[in-house]
Amino acid sequence: MKKSTATQTKIYCANCVHCKLVPKPAGEGSYMLRVRCSAGKWKKSSGEEKLYKYCTVAQRSIEYCEAYDPMGDVNEFIHDLQATLPAVDEIYQIAKGEHQ
C-alpha cells in the first residue's frame, strides 16, 4: 500500500504547537534552554520525558505524529529558525528580579 503525499512530508517538531521552550537549571543564577513536547511524545526508554537542546531543535523531524499541529508554513518557519538558533548550547544568566 502506497503512503499518501501528506504522510510522506517530513514533520519538523519545532513547527508544532506542542514544542515548548523551557529553562533547565545550569548552576547558581544560570540556565540552559531546552525543548519538550507538551503532548508527551518525546520519551526515553525508561518512560521519562526527553528534553532536547534548543540549538538542535530545527533538526528534529519525524514521518508521522498524531499530535502534530503546525504553527505555519514549515519551510519558512524552519528557514527562519535555523538562521536565529545558537550554533552551540549556551548558558544564560538569570537577570536580577527574574524568577523561574
Protein backbone atom coordinates (compact mmCIF):
# COMPACT_ATOMS: atom_id res chain seq x y z
CA MET A 1 0.00 0.00 0.00
CA LYS A 2 1.42 3.37 -1.03
CA LYS A 3 1.52 6.20 1.52
CA SER A 4 -0.34 9.40 0.74
CA THR A 5 1.59 12.56 -0.08
CA ALA A 6 0.63 14.10 3.28
CA THR A 7 2.28 11.29 5.25
CA GLN A 8 5.44 11.39 3.11
CA THR A 9 6.16 15.01 4.11
CA LYS A 10 8.73 15.33 6.87
CA ILE A 11 7.30 16.76 10.08
CA TYR A 12 9.55 19.20 11.96
CA CYS A 13 8.71 19.12 15.65
CA ALA A 14 9.82 22.74 16.06
CA ASN A 15 6.89 23.83 13.86
CA CYS A 16 4.34 22.18 16.17
CA VAL A 17 2.35 24.00 18.85
CA HIS A 18 3.37 21.25 21.30
CA CYS A 19 7.10 22.05 21.00
CA LYS A 20 7.81 24.21 24.07
CA LEU A 21 10.93 26.08 25.14
CA VAL A 22 11.83 25.50 28.81
CA PRO A 23 14.73 26.60 31.05
CA LYS A 24 16.93 23.93 32.64
CA PRO A 25 19.00 24.99 35.68
CA ALA A 26 22.74 25.14 34.98
CA GLY A 27 24.17 26.23 38.29
CA GLU A 28 23.53 29.16 40.55
CA GLY A 29 21.98 32.04 38.66
CA SER A 30 22.12 30.41 35.22
CA TYR A 31 20.14 28.15 32.92
CA MET A 32 20.23 26.43 29.52
CA LEU A 33 17.35 26.33 27.06
CA ARG A 34 15.71 23.00 26.25
CA VAL A 35 12.66 21.98 24.23
CA ARG A 36 9.99 19.49 25.22
CA CYS A 37 6.83 18.08 23.67
CA SER A 38 3.81 19.19 25.70
CA ALA A 39 1.82 16.36 24.06
CA GLY A 40 4.17 13.87 25.74
CA LYS A 41 5.57 12.34 22.53
CA TRP A 42 9.26 12.54 23.48
CA LYS A 43 10.04 9.73 25.91
CA LYS A 44 13.16 7.85 26.95
CA SER A 45 13.03 4.05 27.01
CA SER A 46 12.51 4.36 30.79
CA GLY A 47 9.30 6.33 30.13
CA GLU A 48 10.81 9.57 31.45
CA GLU A 49 10.26 12.75 29.43
CA LYS A 50 13.03 13.54 26.93
CA LEU A 51 14.31 17.11 26.57
CA TYR A 52 16.38 18.28 23.60
CA LYS A 53 18.93 21.07 23.33
CA TYR A 54 17.43 24.25 21.91
CA CYS A 55 20.31 24.64 19.45
CA THR A 56 19.33 21.33 17.77
CA VAL A 57 15.53 21.70 17.62
CA ALA A 58 15.43 22.53 13.89
CA GLN A 59 16.97 19.12 13.14
CA ARG A 60 14.30 17.08 14.93
CA SER A 61 11.85 15.58 12.46
CA ILE A 62 9.63 12.52 12.18
CA GLU A 63 7.48 10.92 9.49
CA TYR A 64 4.22 10.91 11.45
CA CYS A 65 2.78 12.22 14.72
CA GLU A 66 -0.91 12.11 15.64
CA ALA A 67 -0.45 15.16 17.90
CA TYR A 68 1.23 17.34 15.23
CA ASP A 69 -0.43 20.76 14.98
CA PRO A 70 1.61 23.05 12.68
CA MET A 71 2.13 26.71 13.52
CA GLY A 72 2.53 27.84 9.92
CA ASP A 73 4.42 27.24 6.69
CA VAL A 74 7.10 24.70 7.62
CA ASN A 75 9.70 25.77 5.03
CA GLU A 76 9.60 29.44 6.02
CA PHE A 77 9.50 28.66 9.75
CA ILE A 78 12.43 26.22 9.70
CA HIS A 79 14.50 28.55 7.50
CA ASP A 80 13.95 31.46 9.91
CA LEU A 81 14.57 29.23 12.93
CA GLN A 82 17.87 27.91 11.56
CA ALA A 83 19.02 31.49 10.92
CA THR A 84 18.35 32.53 14.53
CA LEU A 85 19.24 29.44 16.58
CA PRO A 86 22.51 29.49 18.51
CA ALA A 87 25.16 27.23 16.96
CA VAL A 88 26.00 25.59 20.31
CA ASP A 89 24.35 25.01 23.67
CA GLU A 90 24.54 28.30 25.55
CA ILE A 91 24.30 29.16 29.23
CA TYR A 92 22.17 32.17 30.11
CA GLN A 93 22.28 34.26 33.26
CA ILE A 94 19.12 34.95 35.23
CA ALA A 95 18.50 38.69 35.35
CA LYS A 96 18.09 40.21 38.80
CA GLY A 97 14.46 40.04 39.83
CA GLU A 98 13.65 37.28 37.30
CA HIS A 99 12.09 34.13 38.72
CA GLN A 100 11.99 30.67 37.15
